[in-house]
N, C-alpha and C. Protein backbone atom coordinates (compact mmCIF):
# COMPACT_ATOMS: atom_id res chain seq x y z
N UNK A 1 2.20 -52.87 20.53
CA UNK A 1 3.23 -51.80 20.66
C UNK A 1 3.84 -51.55 19.34
N UNK A 2 4.03 -52.47 18.47
CA UNK A 2 4.60 -52.27 17.29
C UNK A 2 3.74 -51.42 16.24
N UNK A 3 2.49 -51.74 16.46
CA UNK A 3 1.48 -50.88 15.63
C UNK A 3 1.32 -49.53 16.01
N UNK A 4 1.43 -49.21 17.24
CA UNK A 4 1.32 -47.90 17.69
C UNK A 4 2.58 -47.08 17.19
N UNK A 5 3.65 -47.71 17.26
CA UNK A 5 4.85 -46.86 16.79
C UNK A 5 5.03 -46.76 15.55
N UNK A 6 4.41 -47.66 14.63
CA UNK A 6 4.43 -47.41 13.27
C UNK A 6 3.40 -46.38 12.80
N UNK A 7 2.27 -46.25 13.46
CA UNK A 7 1.38 -45.17 13.31
C UNK A 7 1.77 -43.82 13.62
N UNK A 8 2.65 -43.74 14.61
CA UNK A 8 3.34 -42.51 15.14
C UNK A 8 4.37 -42.12 14.02
N UNK A 9 5.03 -43.08 13.47
CA UNK A 9 6.02 -42.82 12.34
C UNK A 9 5.31 -42.34 11.11
N UNK A 10 4.22 -42.81 10.91
CA UNK A 10 3.39 -42.24 9.56
C UNK A 10 2.86 -40.92 9.86
N UNK A 11 2.43 -40.64 11.09
CA UNK A 11 2.01 -39.43 11.55
C UNK A 11 3.17 -38.42 11.35
N UNK A 12 4.22 -38.76 12.01
CA UNK A 12 5.51 -37.81 11.82
C UNK A 12 5.94 -37.64 10.50
N UNK A 13 5.85 -38.62 9.66
CA UNK A 13 6.23 -38.44 8.23
C UNK A 13 5.35 -37.59 7.58
N UNK A 14 4.05 -37.77 7.75
CA UNK A 14 3.02 -36.93 7.23
C UNK A 14 3.19 -35.44 7.48
N UNK A 15 3.56 -35.25 8.86
CA UNK A 15 3.69 -33.89 9.32
C UNK A 15 4.87 -33.18 8.72
N UNK A 16 6.02 -33.90 8.54
CA UNK A 16 7.11 -33.51 7.89
C UNK A 16 6.94 -33.07 6.48
N UNK A 17 6.19 -34.07 5.78
CA UNK A 17 5.91 -34.03 4.36
C UNK A 17 5.03 -32.85 4.15
N UNK A 18 4.01 -32.56 4.99
CA UNK A 18 3.27 -31.46 4.89
C UNK A 18 3.98 -30.17 4.99
N UNK A 19 4.88 -30.07 6.01
CA UNK A 19 5.57 -28.80 6.19
C UNK A 19 6.66 -28.57 5.12
N UNK A 20 6.98 -29.64 4.57
CA UNK A 20 7.99 -29.38 3.34
C UNK A 20 7.13 -28.89 2.17
N UNK A 21 6.09 -29.37 1.86
CA UNK A 21 5.09 -29.05 0.86
C UNK A 21 4.69 -27.63 1.02
N UNK A 22 4.31 -27.20 2.13
CA UNK A 22 3.90 -25.85 2.44
C UNK A 22 5.07 -24.84 2.25
N UNK A 23 6.24 -25.30 2.72
CA UNK A 23 7.48 -24.29 2.60
C UNK A 23 7.77 -24.19 1.06
N UNK A 24 7.59 -25.27 0.42
CA UNK A 24 8.09 -25.06 -1.04
C UNK A 24 7.08 -24.05 -1.80
N UNK A 25 5.76 -24.44 -1.56
CA UNK A 25 4.74 -23.74 -2.40
C UNK A 25 4.88 -22.19 -1.86
N UNK A 26 5.23 -21.95 -0.69
CA UNK A 26 5.23 -20.76 -0.15
C UNK A 26 6.54 -19.88 -0.68
N UNK A 27 7.48 -20.77 -0.92
CA UNK A 27 8.85 -20.09 -1.38
C UNK A 27 8.64 -19.67 -2.81
N UNK A 28 8.15 -20.54 -3.54
CA UNK A 28 7.92 -20.28 -5.02
C UNK A 28 6.98 -19.08 -5.17
N UNK A 29 5.80 -19.28 -4.79
CA UNK A 29 4.82 -18.16 -4.93
C UNK A 29 4.57 -17.85 -6.44
N UNK A 30 3.62 -16.88 -6.63
CA UNK A 30 3.51 -16.51 -8.09
C UNK A 30 4.69 -15.65 -8.68
N UNK A 31 4.98 -15.85 -9.79
CA UNK A 31 6.26 -15.01 -10.31
C UNK A 31 5.79 -13.58 -10.47
N UNK A 32 6.63 -12.65 -10.08
CA UNK A 32 6.26 -11.30 -10.11
C UNK A 32 6.29 -10.74 -11.50
N UNK A 33 5.43 -10.07 -11.90
CA UNK A 33 5.43 -9.61 -13.24
C UNK A 33 6.24 -8.24 -13.43
N UNK A 34 7.18 -8.28 -14.39
CA UNK A 34 8.19 -7.16 -14.59
C UNK A 34 7.52 -5.91 -14.84
N UNK A 35 6.36 -5.94 -15.40
CA UNK A 35 5.57 -4.83 -15.71
C UNK A 35 4.83 -4.32 -14.59
N UNK A 36 4.70 -5.13 -13.50
CA UNK A 36 4.07 -4.64 -12.26
C UNK A 36 4.98 -4.23 -11.16
N UNK A 37 6.17 -4.84 -11.18
CA UNK A 37 7.20 -4.55 -10.12
C UNK A 37 8.06 -3.41 -10.61
N UNK A 38 8.27 -3.11 -11.81
CA UNK A 38 9.27 -2.07 -12.18
C UNK A 38 8.37 -0.68 -12.33
N UNK A 39 9.21 0.12 -11.83
CA UNK A 39 8.43 1.59 -12.03
C UNK A 39 8.41 2.08 -13.39
N UNK A 40 7.25 2.78 -13.71
CA UNK A 40 7.29 3.27 -15.22
C UNK A 40 8.32 4.40 -15.47
N UNK A 41 9.30 4.37 -16.64
CA UNK A 41 10.07 5.35 -16.75
C UNK A 41 9.26 6.65 -17.15
N UNK A 42 9.88 7.85 -16.85
CA UNK A 42 9.23 9.10 -17.37
C UNK A 42 9.14 9.02 -18.91
N UNK A 43 8.18 9.86 -19.27
CA UNK A 43 7.89 9.82 -20.64
C UNK A 43 9.09 10.54 -21.51
N UNK A 44 9.34 10.01 -22.68
CA UNK A 44 10.43 10.55 -23.39
C UNK A 44 10.10 11.87 -24.00
N UNK A 45 11.19 12.71 -24.11
CA UNK A 45 10.91 14.21 -24.81
C UNK A 45 10.71 14.03 -26.20
N UNK A 46 9.42 13.87 -26.65
CA UNK A 46 9.08 13.72 -28.12
C UNK A 46 8.47 15.05 -28.53
N UNK A 47 9.20 15.55 -29.53
CA UNK A 47 8.49 16.85 -30.14
C UNK A 47 7.16 16.59 -30.85
N UNK A 48 6.19 17.49 -30.55
CA UNK A 48 4.88 17.32 -30.99
C UNK A 48 4.98 17.55 -32.56
N UNK A 49 4.34 16.60 -33.29
CA UNK A 49 4.33 16.60 -34.75
C UNK A 49 2.80 16.79 -35.12
N UNK A 50 2.53 17.99 -35.72
CA UNK A 50 1.33 18.27 -36.22
C UNK A 50 1.03 17.61 -37.50
N UNK A 51 -0.06 16.85 -37.70
CA UNK A 51 -0.24 16.13 -38.89
C UNK A 51 -0.60 17.08 -40.25
N UNK A 52 0.32 17.05 -41.18
CA UNK A 52 0.02 17.73 -42.31
C UNK A 52 -1.19 17.25 -43.37
N UNK A 53 -1.97 18.08 -43.75
CA UNK A 53 -3.14 17.48 -44.55
C UNK A 53 -2.50 16.92 -45.89
N UNK A 54 -2.91 15.80 -46.17
CA UNK A 54 -2.41 15.23 -47.52
C UNK A 54 -2.95 15.85 -48.69
N UNK A 55 -2.15 16.14 -49.66
CA UNK A 55 -2.48 16.73 -50.90
C UNK A 55 -3.56 15.98 -51.54
N UNK A 56 -4.48 16.60 -52.27
CA UNK A 56 -5.58 15.94 -53.03
C UNK A 56 -5.04 14.98 -53.93
N UNK A 57 -5.40 13.68 -54.23
CA UNK A 57 -5.04 12.80 -55.19
C UNK A 57 -5.36 13.42 -56.63
N UNK A 58 -4.25 13.31 -57.47
CA UNK A 58 -4.48 13.53 -58.87
C UNK A 58 -5.12 12.61 -59.47
N UNK A 59 -6.28 13.00 -60.27
CA UNK A 59 -7.03 11.97 -60.96
C UNK A 59 -6.51 12.08 -62.45
N UNK A 60 -6.13 10.99 -62.85
CA UNK A 60 -5.81 10.74 -64.21
C UNK A 60 -6.67 10.21 -65.16
N UNK A 61 -6.83 10.58 -66.38
CA UNK A 61 -7.79 10.04 -67.33
C UNK A 61 -7.16 8.86 -68.17
């Protein structure tokens, strides 16, 4: 009789430990990436700059 009650206690302890382990891992989960969760801001108003051709390098003798 003592052996049966101790095995029941072990099974109950394992069930509780398993439930706690599942609850903890489910609560943590993967950390959300701020880049993925935050909406992207609208593009800033940047005036278009046309590249100016660079002057020819001066060759010195």
